[in-house]
Amino acid sequence: MDPTGLDLPPFAAAFVFGLLGGAHCIGMCGGIMSALSFAVPPSMRSPARLSGLLLGYNLGRITSYMIAGALAASLGTLLSLTAPARLILQGLAALMLILMALYIADWWKGLLGVEALGRRLWRHLEPLGRRLMPVVKLPQAVALGAVWGWLPCGLVYSMLTWSLAMADPLRGVLLMGAFGLGTLPALLATGFAARQLSRLIRHRATRTLAALSIIAFALWQLWLLLPGGGASHTG
């Protein structure tokens, strides 16, 4: 642990990453959330029903994150990663977050190439999601959210790199679950106030602040991985 007492356990850190990545989540998924909200027939668009459907979408999405975390961590187990290899992967996850921050602030778009790696899978899943619309029932919302959870996203990929480094399926599930919960406030808010939040998130100052926050947090995590940083090297 960090001797200053500032070190966060990995699950808390993943939650914070999700919160800080809210600007990217709204940019990537905000349009989906607003489209799903408006796709509900007006006669069925009561606050209670809409709240239930929005929670259902996100429950399915976070469940997919957790499944992906289990798969990544299981791969880490199969690879029998050494302690130095885990440290390298954790460092790579932090570096990917910095690249994501550059993307959020519109300073550098290189991470688009990483997201492109998941588009082949997404091409097969997107038609399945379309068949579930329009969504009027909670099970549909959960199922559509589960499909949506596999949308190519550099922020998710950075967390999966961290899950791989953990090499423990249960910890991979918990890490991705914590990350998913961190993204929840931004996406729920988008579902209820899509236009207002969209304008706010597109504002350069908002995106710059979010990017600088992510960079600062990622640099902190990198410092903790150094021999004098004080972090536990078990992840």
C-alpha atoms as a PDB file:
ATOM      1  CA  MET A   1       0.000   0.000   0.000  1.00  0.00           C
ATOM      2  CA  ASP A   2       0.993   3.607  -0.511  1.00  0.00           C
ATOM      3  CA  PRO A   3       2.654   4.850   2.715  1.00  0.00           C
ATOM      4  CA  THR A   4       0.823   8.167   2.386  1.00  0.00           C
ATOM      5  CA  GLY A   5      -2.459   6.309   2.705  1.00  0.00           C
ATOM      6  CA  LEU A   6      -3.645   7.597  -0.685  1.00  0.00           C
ATOM      7  CA  ASP A   7      -3.520   4.318  -2.569  1.00  0.00           C
ATOM      8  CA  LEU A   8      -6.906   3.066  -3.733  1.00  0.00           C
ATOM      9  CA  PRO A   9      -7.756  -0.630  -3.848  1.00  0.00           C
ATOM     10  CA  PRO A  10      -8.019  -1.765  -7.473  1.00  0.00           C
ATOM     11  CA  PHE A  11     -11.815  -1.994  -7.432  1.00  0.00           C
ATOM     12  CA  ALA A  12     -12.170   1.539  -6.065  1.00  0.00           C
ATOM     13  CA  ALA A  13      -9.685   2.750  -8.677  1.00  0.00           C
ATOM     14  CA  ALA A  14     -11.712   1.047 -11.431  1.00  0.00           C
ATOM     15  CA  PHE A  15     -14.862   2.765 -10.161  1.00  0.00           C
ATOM     16  CA  VAL A  16     -13.106   6.152 -10.290  1.00  0.00           C
ATOM     17  CA  PHE A  17     -11.876   5.434 -13.832  1.00  0.00           C
ATOM     18  CA  GLY A  18     -15.497   4.784 -14.813  1.00  0.00           C
ATOM     19  CA  LEU A  19     -16.606   8.071 -13.275  1.00  0.00           C
ATOM     20  CA  LEU A  20     -13.818  10.052 -14.944  1.00  0.00           C
ATOM     21  CA  GLY A  21     -14.534   8.384 -18.260  1.00  0.00           C
ATOM     22  CA  GLY A  22     -18.116   9.628 -18.210  1.00  0.00           C
ATOM     23  CA  ALA A  23     -17.368  12.150 -20.970  1.00  0.00           C
ATOM     24  CA  HIS A  24     -16.252   9.367 -23.297  1.00  0.00           C
ATOM     25  CA  CYS A  25     -19.161   7.124 -22.270  1.00  0.00           C
ATOM     26  CA  ILE A  26     -21.648   9.847 -23.153  1.00  0.00           C
ATOM     27  CA  GLY A  27     -19.868  10.493 -26.431  1.00  0.00           C
ATOM     28  CA  MET A  28     -19.874   6.778 -27.319  1.00  0.00           C
ATOM     29  CA  CYS A  29     -23.189   5.694 -25.829  1.00  0.00           C
ATOM     30  CA  GLY A  30     -25.143   8.871 -25.138  1.00  0.00           C
ATOM     31  CA  GLY A  31     -26.737   8.763 -28.568  1.00  0.00           C
ATOM     32  CA  ILE A  32     -27.740   5.159 -27.982  1.00  0.00           C
ATOM     33  CA  MET A  33     -29.265   6.008 -24.605  1.00  0.00           C
ATOM     34  CA  SER A  34     -31.273   8.925 -25.974  1.00  0.00           C
ATOM     35  CA  ALA A  35     -32.391   6.895 -29.010  1.00  0.00           C
ATOM     36  CA  LEU A  36     -33.553   4.051 -26.780  1.00  0.00           C
ATOM     37  CA  SER A  37     -35.424   6.475 -24.555  1.00  0.00           C
ATOM     38  CA  PHE A  38     -37.224   8.144 -27.463  1.00  0.00           C
ATOM     39  CA  ALA A  39     -37.964   4.764 -29.089  1.00  0.00           C
ATOM     40  CA  VAL A  40     -40.318   3.922 -26.228  1.00  0.00           C
ATOM     41  CA  PRO A  41     -43.897   4.697 -27.376  1.00  0.00           C
ATOM     42  CA  PRO A  42     -45.116   7.995 -25.854  1.00  0.00           C
ATOM     43  CA  SER A  43     -48.031   6.240 -24.169  1.00  0.00           C
ATOM     44  CA  MET A  44     -45.544   4.026 -22.284  1.00  0.00           C
ATOM     45  CA  ARG A  45     -42.963   6.709 -21.499  1.00  0.00           C
ATOM     46  CA  SER A  46     -43.877   7.243 -17.854  1.00  0.00           C
ATOM     47  CA  PRO A  47     -40.996   8.169 -15.499  1.00  0.00           C
ATOM     48  CA  ALA A  48     -41.254   4.832 -13.675  1.00  0.00           C
ATOM     49  CA  ARG A  49     -41.242   2.729 -16.853  1.00  0.00           C
ATOM     50  CA  LEU A  50     -38.453   4.773 -18.436  1.00  0.00           C
ATOM     51  CA  SER A  51     -36.355   4.478 -15.285  1.00  0.00           C
ATOM     52  CA  GLY A  52     -36.818   0.719 -15.278  1.00  0.00           C
ATOM     53  CA  LEU A  53     -35.797   0.389 -18.923  1.00  0.00           C
ATOM     54  CA  LEU A  54     -32.726   2.599 -18.461  1.00  0.00           C
ATOM     55  CA  LEU A  55     -31.645   0.516 -15.486  1.00  0.00           C
ATOM     56  CA  GLY A  56     -32.267  -2.628 -17.535  1.00  0.00           C
ATOM     57  CA  TYR A  57     -30.042  -1.429 -20.380  1.00  0.00           C
ATOM     58  CA  ASN A  58     -27.249  -0.667 -17.974  1.00  0.00           C
ATOM     59  CA  LEU A  59     -27.664  -3.890 -16.031  1.00  0.00           C
ATOM     60  CA  GLY A  60     -27.181  -5.823 -19.257  1.00  0.00           C
ATOM     61  CA  ARG A  61     -24.236  -3.634 -20.283  1.00  0.00           C
ATOM     62  CA  ILE A  62     -22.407  -4.021 -16.967  1.00  0.00           C
ATOM     63  CA  THR A  63     -23.089  -7.771 -16.976  1.00  0.00           C
ATOM     64  CA  SER A  64     -21.346  -8.005 -20.352  1.00  0.00           C
ATOM     65  CA  TYR A  65     -18.397  -6.069 -18.924  1.00  0.00           C
ATOM     66  CA  MET A  66     -18.186  -8.554 -16.051  1.00  0.00           C
ATOM     67  CA  ILE A  67     -18.304 -11.541 -18.407  1.00  0.00           C
ATOM     68  CA  ALA A  68     -15.542  -9.978 -20.489  1.00  0.00           C
ATOM     69  CA  GLY A  69     -13.539  -9.377 -17.295  1.00  0.00           C
ATOM     70  CA  ALA A  70     -13.888 -13.030 -16.325  1.00  0.00           C
ATOM     71  CA  LEU A  71     -12.733 -14.134 -19.782  1.00  0.00           C
ATOM     72  CA  ALA A  72      -9.735 -11.793 -19.768  1.00  0.00           C
ATOM     73  CA  ALA A  73      -8.702 -12.815 -16.262  1.00  0.00           C
ATOM     74  CA  SER A  74      -9.130 -16.499 -17.165  1.00  0.00           C
ATOM     75  CA  LEU A  75      -6.768 -15.971 -20.088  1.00  0.00           C
ATOM     76  CA  GLY A  76      -4.304 -14.449 -17.639  1.00  0.00           C
ATOM     77  CA  THR A  77      -4.601 -17.565 -15.497  1.00  0.00           C
ATOM     78  CA  LEU A  78      -3.980 -19.843 -18.480  1.00  0.00           C
ATOM     79  CA  LEU A  79      -0.915 -17.816 -19.430  1.00  0.00           C
ATOM     80  CA  SER A  80       0.473 -18.215 -15.881  1.00  0.00           C
ATOM     81  CA  LEU A  81       1.602 -14.592 -15.846  1.00  0.00           C
ATOM     82  CA  THR A  82       4.624 -13.764 -13.737  1.00  0.00           C
ATOM     83  CA  ALA A  83       4.601 -10.821 -11.323  1.00  0.00           C
ATOM     84  CA  PRO A  84       6.684  -8.641 -13.721  1.00  0.00           C
ATOM     85  CA  ALA A  85       4.295  -9.475 -16.585  1.00  0.00           C
ATOM     86  CA  ARG A  86       1.333  -8.408 -14.471  1.00  0.00           C
ATOM     87  CA  LEU A  87       3.048  -5.123 -13.663  1.00  0.00           C
ATOM     88  CA  ILE A  88       3.663  -4.507 -17.360  1.00  0.00           C
ATOM     89  CA  LEU A  89      -0.002  -5.156 -18.168  1.00  0.00           C
ATOM     90  CA  GLN A  90      -1.160  -2.841 -15.378  1.00  0.00           C
ATOM     91  CA  GLY A  91       1.168  -0.182 -16.744  1.00  0.00           C
ATOM     92  CA  LEU A  92      -0.217  -0.769 -20.246  1.00  0.00           C
ATOM     93  CA  ALA A  93      -3.760  -0.316 -18.911  1.00  0.00           C
ATOM     94  CA  ALA A  94      -2.761   3.040 -17.381  1.00  0.00           C
ATOM     95  CA  LEU A  95      -1.083   4.119 -20.629  1.00  0.00           C
ATOM     96  CA  MET A  96      -4.204   3.209 -22.588  1.00  0.00           C
ATOM     97  CA  LEU A  97      -6.208   5.432 -20.237  1.00  0.00           C
ATOM     98  CA  ILE A  98      -3.873   8.314 -21.052  1.00  0.00           C
ATOM     99  CA  LEU A  99      -4.426   7.659 -24.762  1.00  0.00           C
ATOM    100  CA  MET A 100      -8.162   7.598 -24.074  1.00  0.00           C
ATOM    101  CA  ALA A 101      -7.864  10.976 -22.354  1.00  0.00           C
ATOM    102  CA  LEU A 102      -6.143  12.403 -25.429  1.00  0.00           C
ATOM    103  CA  TYR A 103      -9.022  11.042 -27.491  1.00  0.00           C
ATOM    104  CA  ILE A 104     -11.663  12.561 -25.189  1.00  0.00           C
ATOM    105  CA  ALA A 105     -10.004  15.985 -25.396  1.00  0.00           C
ATOM    106  CA  ASP A 106      -9.708  15.658 -29.197  1.00  0.00           C
ATOM    107  CA  TRP A 107      -5.914  16.032 -28.968  1.00  0.00           C
ATOM    108  CA  TRP A 108      -5.032  12.696 -30.622  1.00  0.00           C
ATOM    109  CA  LYS A 109      -7.223  10.025 -32.242  1.00  0.00           C
ATOM    110  CA  GLY A 110      -4.741   7.156 -32.328  1.00  0.00           C
ATOM    111  CA  LEU A 111      -6.857   5.015 -30.003  1.00  0.00           C
ATOM    112  CA  LEU A 112      -9.438   4.657 -32.761  1.00  0.00           C
ATOM    113  CA  GLY A 113      -7.148   1.983 -34.176  1.00  0.00           C
ATOM    114  CA  VAL A 114      -7.454  -0.017 -30.959  1.00  0.00           C
ATOM    115  CA  GLU A 115     -11.239   0.300 -30.954  1.00  0.00           C
ATOM    116  CA  ALA A 116     -11.269  -0.925 -34.546  1.00  0.00           C
ATOM    117  CA  LEU A 117     -10.058  -4.325 -33.290  1.00  0.00           C
ATOM    118  CA  GLY A 118     -13.471  -4.972 -31.746  1.00  0.00           C
ATOM    119  CA  ARG A 119     -15.529  -3.908 -34.743  1.00  0.00           C
ATOM    120  CA  ARG A 120     -15.397  -7.331 -36.370  1.00  0.00           C
ATOM    121  CA  LEU A 121     -17.224  -8.843 -33.388  1.00  0.00           C
ATOM    122  CA  TRP A 122     -19.585  -5.858 -33.219  1.00  0.00           C
ATOM    123  CA  ARG A 123     -20.652  -6.355 -36.842  1.00  0.00           C
ATOM    124  CA  HIS A 124     -22.113  -9.727 -35.830  1.00  0.00           C
ATOM    125  CA  LEU A 125     -23.766  -8.450 -32.650  1.00  0.00           C
ATOM    126  CA  GLU A 126     -25.320  -5.218 -33.914  1.00  0.00           C
ATOM    127  CA  PRO A 127     -28.044  -6.932 -36.013  1.00  0.00           C
ATOM    128  CA  LEU A 128     -29.026  -8.931 -32.925  1.00  0.00           C
ATOM    129  CA  GLY A 129     -29.483  -5.708 -31.006  1.00  0.00           C
ATOM    130  CA  ARG A 130     -31.625  -4.224 -33.766  1.00  0.00           C
ATOM    131  CA  ARG A 131     -34.003  -7.190 -33.557  1.00  0.00           C
ATOM    132  CA  LEU A 132     -34.709  -6.346 -29.910  1.00  0.00           C
ATOM    133  CA  MET A 133     -36.037  -2.872 -30.751  1.00  0.00           C
ATOM    134  CA  PRO A 134     -38.305  -1.127 -30.011  1.00  0.00           C
ATOM    135  CA  VAL A 135     -37.862  -1.969 -26.354  1.00  0.00           C
ATOM    136  CA  VAL A 136     -41.036  -1.930 -24.275  1.00  0.00           C
ATOM    137  CA  LYS A 137     -40.306  -4.598 -21.648  1.00  0.00           C
ATOM    138  CA  LEU A 138     -37.566  -4.959 -19.040  1.00  0.00           C
ATOM    139  CA  PRO A 139     -36.215  -8.321 -20.335  1.00  0.00           C
ATOM    140  CA  GLN A 140     -35.762  -6.713 -23.769  1.00  0.00           C
ATOM    141  CA  ALA A 141     -33.879  -3.831 -22.191  1.00  0.00           C
ATOM    142  CA  VAL A 142     -31.536  -6.165 -20.297  1.00  0.00           C
ATOM    143  CA  ALA A 143     -30.897  -8.253 -23.421  1.00  0.00           C
ATOM    144  CA  LEU A 144     -30.211  -5.178 -25.554  1.00  0.00           C
ATOM    145  CA  GLY A 145     -27.894  -3.793 -22.883  1.00  0.00           C
ATOM    146  CA  ALA A 146     -26.000  -7.100 -22.858  1.00  0.00           C
ATOM    147  CA  VAL A 147     -25.411  -6.745 -26.609  1.00  0.00           C
ATOM    148  CA  TRP A 148     -24.505  -3.079 -26.265  1.00  0.00           C
ATOM    149  CA  GLY A 149     -21.838  -3.985 -23.670  1.00  0.00           C
ATOM    150  CA  TRP A 150     -19.654  -5.383 -26.475  1.00  0.00           C
ATOM    151  CA  LEU A 151     -19.551  -2.085 -28.378  1.00  0.00           C
ATOM    152  CA  PRO A 152     -15.868  -1.365 -29.227  1.00  0.00           C
ATOM    153  CA  CYS A 153     -14.519   1.014 -26.577  1.00  0.00           C
ATOM    154  CA  GLY A 154     -10.931   1.896 -25.719  1.00  0.00           C
ATOM    155  CA  LEU A 155     -11.891   2.693 -22.121  1.00  0.00           C
ATOM    156  CA  VAL A 156     -13.300  -0.815 -21.670  1.00  0.00           C
ATOM    157  CA  TYR A 157     -10.253  -2.342 -23.353  1.00  0.00           C
ATOM    158  CA  SER A 158      -7.925  -0.608 -20.904  1.00  0.00           C
ATOM    159  CA  MET A 159      -9.878  -2.122 -18.014  1.00  0.00           C
ATOM    160  CA  LEU A 160      -9.798  -5.550 -19.655  1.00  0.00           C
ATOM    161  CA  THR A 161      -6.015  -5.263 -19.861  1.00  0.00           C
ATOM    162  CA  TRP A 162      -6.043  -4.720 -16.105  1.00  0.00           C
ATOM    163  CA  SER A 163      -8.352  -7.747 -15.689  1.00  0.00           C
ATOM    164  CA  LEU A 164      -5.917  -9.835 -17.725  1.00  0.00           C
ATOM    165  CA  ALA A 165      -3.128  -8.751 -15.371  1.00  0.00           C
ATOM    166  CA  MET A 166      -5.160  -9.892 -12.354  1.00  0.00           C
ATOM    167  CA  ALA A 167      -5.229 -13.485 -13.675  1.00  0.00           C
ATOM    168  CA  ASP A 168      -8.141 -14.264 -11.325  1.00  0.00           C
ATOM    169  CA  PRO A 169     -11.632 -14.622 -12.860  1.00  0.00           C
ATOM    170  CA  LEU A 170     -13.467 -13.504  -9.718  1.00  0.00           C
ATOM    171  CA  ARG A 171     -11.306 -10.406  -9.384  1.00  0.00           C
ATOM    172  CA  GLY A 172     -11.744  -9.747 -13.108  1.00  0.00           C
ATOM    173  CA  VAL A 173     -15.524  -9.863 -12.659  1.00  0.00           C
ATOM    174  CA  LEU A 174     -15.390  -7.511  -9.668  1.00  0.00           C
ATOM    175  CA  LEU A 175     -13.023  -5.095 -11.394  1.00  0.00           C
ATOM    176  CA  MET A 176     -15.217  -4.757 -14.459  1.00  0.00           C
ATOM    177  CA  GLY A 177     -18.331  -4.551 -12.296  1.00  0.00           C
ATOM    178  CA  ALA A 178     -16.809  -1.673 -10.329  1.00  0.00           C
ATOM    179  CA  PHE A 179     -15.819   0.063 -13.553  1.00  0.00           C
ATOM    180  CA  GLY A 180     -19.303  -0.392 -14.980  1.00  0.00           C
ATOM    181  CA  LEU A 181     -20.899   1.084 -11.868  1.00  0.00           C
ATOM    182  CA  GLY A 182     -18.595   4.079 -12.239  1.00  0.00           C
ATOM    183  CA  THR A 183     -19.952   4.727 -15.732  1.00  0.00           C
ATOM    184  CA  LEU A 184     -23.554   4.382 -14.563  1.00  0.00           C
ATOM    185  CA  PRO A 185     -24.255   7.965 -13.338  1.00  0.00           C
ATOM    186  CA  ALA A 186     -23.261   9.568 -16.652  1.00  0.00           C
ATOM    187  CA  LEU A 187     -25.267   7.167 -18.786  1.00  0.00           C
ATOM    188  CA  LEU A 188     -28.360   7.229 -16.583  1.00  0.00           C
ATOM    189  CA  ALA A 189     -28.286  11.012 -16.602  1.00  0.00           C
ATOM    190  CA  THR A 190     -27.976  10.953 -20.390  1.00  0.00           C
ATOM    191  CA  GLY A 191     -31.091   8.835 -20.672  1.00  0.00           C
ATOM    192  CA  PHE A 192     -33.098  11.420 -18.761  1.00  0.00           C
ATOM    193  CA  ALA A 193     -31.510  14.634 -20.044  1.00  0.00           C
ATOM    194  CA  ALA A 194     -29.894  13.753 -23.339  1.00  0.00           C
ATOM    195  CA  ARG A 195     -29.968  17.159 -25.003  1.00  0.00           C
ATOM    196  CA  GLN A 196     -28.723  19.163 -22.022  1.00  0.00           C
ATOM    197  CA  LEU A 197     -25.896  16.753 -21.239  1.00  0.00           C
ATOM    198  CA  SER A 198     -24.925  16.381 -24.863  1.00  0.00           C
ATOM    199  CA  ARG A 199     -24.296  20.112 -25.114  1.00  0.00           C
ATOM    200  CA  LEU A 200     -22.356  20.114 -21.856  1.00  0.00           C
ATOM    201  CA  ILE A 201     -20.177  17.137 -22.797  1.00  0.00           C
ATOM    202  CA  ARG A 202     -19.402  18.532 -26.241  1.00  0.00           C
ATOM    203  CA  HIS A 203     -18.082  21.719 -24.668  1.00  0.00           C
ATOM    204  CA  ARG A 204     -14.297  21.824 -25.029  1.00  0.00           C
ATOM    205  CA  ALA A 205     -13.755  22.884 -21.405  1.00  0.00           C
ATOM    206  CA  THR A 206     -15.714  19.886 -20.110  1.00  0.00           C
ATOM    207  CA  ARG A 207     -13.825  17.423 -22.283  1.00  0.00           C
ATOM    208  CA  THR A 208     -10.476  18.989 -21.412  1.00  0.00           C
ATOM    209  CA  LEU A 209     -11.208  18.805 -17.678  1.00  0.00           C
ATOM    210  CA  ALA A 210     -12.249  15.152 -17.951  1.00  0.00           C
ATOM    211  CA  ALA A 211      -9.126  14.332 -20.001  1.00  0.00           C
ATOM    212  CA  LEU A 212      -6.772  16.039 -17.548  1.00  0.00           C
ATOM    213  CA  SER A 213      -8.434  14.227 -14.641  1.00  0.00           C
ATOM    214  CA  ILE A 214      -7.968  10.851 -16.321  1.00  0.00           C
ATOM    215  CA  ILE A 215      -4.342  11.633 -17.180  1.00  0.00           C
ATOM    216  CA  ALA A 216      -3.619  12.654 -13.586  1.00  0.00           C
ATOM    217  CA  PHE A 217      -5.242   9.512 -12.217  1.00  0.00           C
ATOM    218  CA  ALA A 218      -3.468   7.244 -14.718  1.00  0.00           C
ATOM    219  CA  LEU A 219      -0.093   8.837 -13.919  1.00  0.00           C
ATOM    220  CA  TRP A 220      -0.787   8.260 -10.244  1.00  0.00           C
ATOM    221  CA  GLN A 221      -1.473   4.586 -10.947  1.00  0.00           C
ATOM    222  CA  LEU A 222       1.759   4.348 -12.936  1.00  0.00           C
ATOM    223  CA  TRP A 223       3.674   5.911 -10.037  1.00  0.00           C
ATOM    224  CA  LEU A 224       2.223   3.328  -7.672  1.00  0.00           C
ATOM    225  CA  LEU A 225       3.632   0.575  -9.880  1.00  0.00           C
ATOM    226  CA  LEU A 226       7.179   1.867  -9.480  1.00  0.00           C
ATOM    227  CA  PRO A 227       9.427   0.199  -6.860  1.00  0.00           C
ATOM    228  CA  GLY A 228       9.240   3.295  -4.640  1.00  0.00           C
ATOM    229  CA  GLY A 229       5.596   3.978  -5.365  1.00  0.00           C
ATOM    230  CA  GLY A 230       4.308   1.863  -2.546  1.00  0.00           C
ATOM    231  CA  ALA A 231       1.657  -0.088  -4.434  1.00  0.00           C
ATOM    232  CA  SER A 232       1.041  -3.755  -3.847  1.00  0.00           C
ATOM    233  CA  HIS A 233       2.361  -5.616  -6.889  1.00  0.00           C
ATOM    234  CA  THR A 234      -0.344  -8.241  -6.719  1.00  0.00           C
ATOM    235  CA  GLY A 235      -2.945  -5.946  -8.360  1.00  0.00           C
END
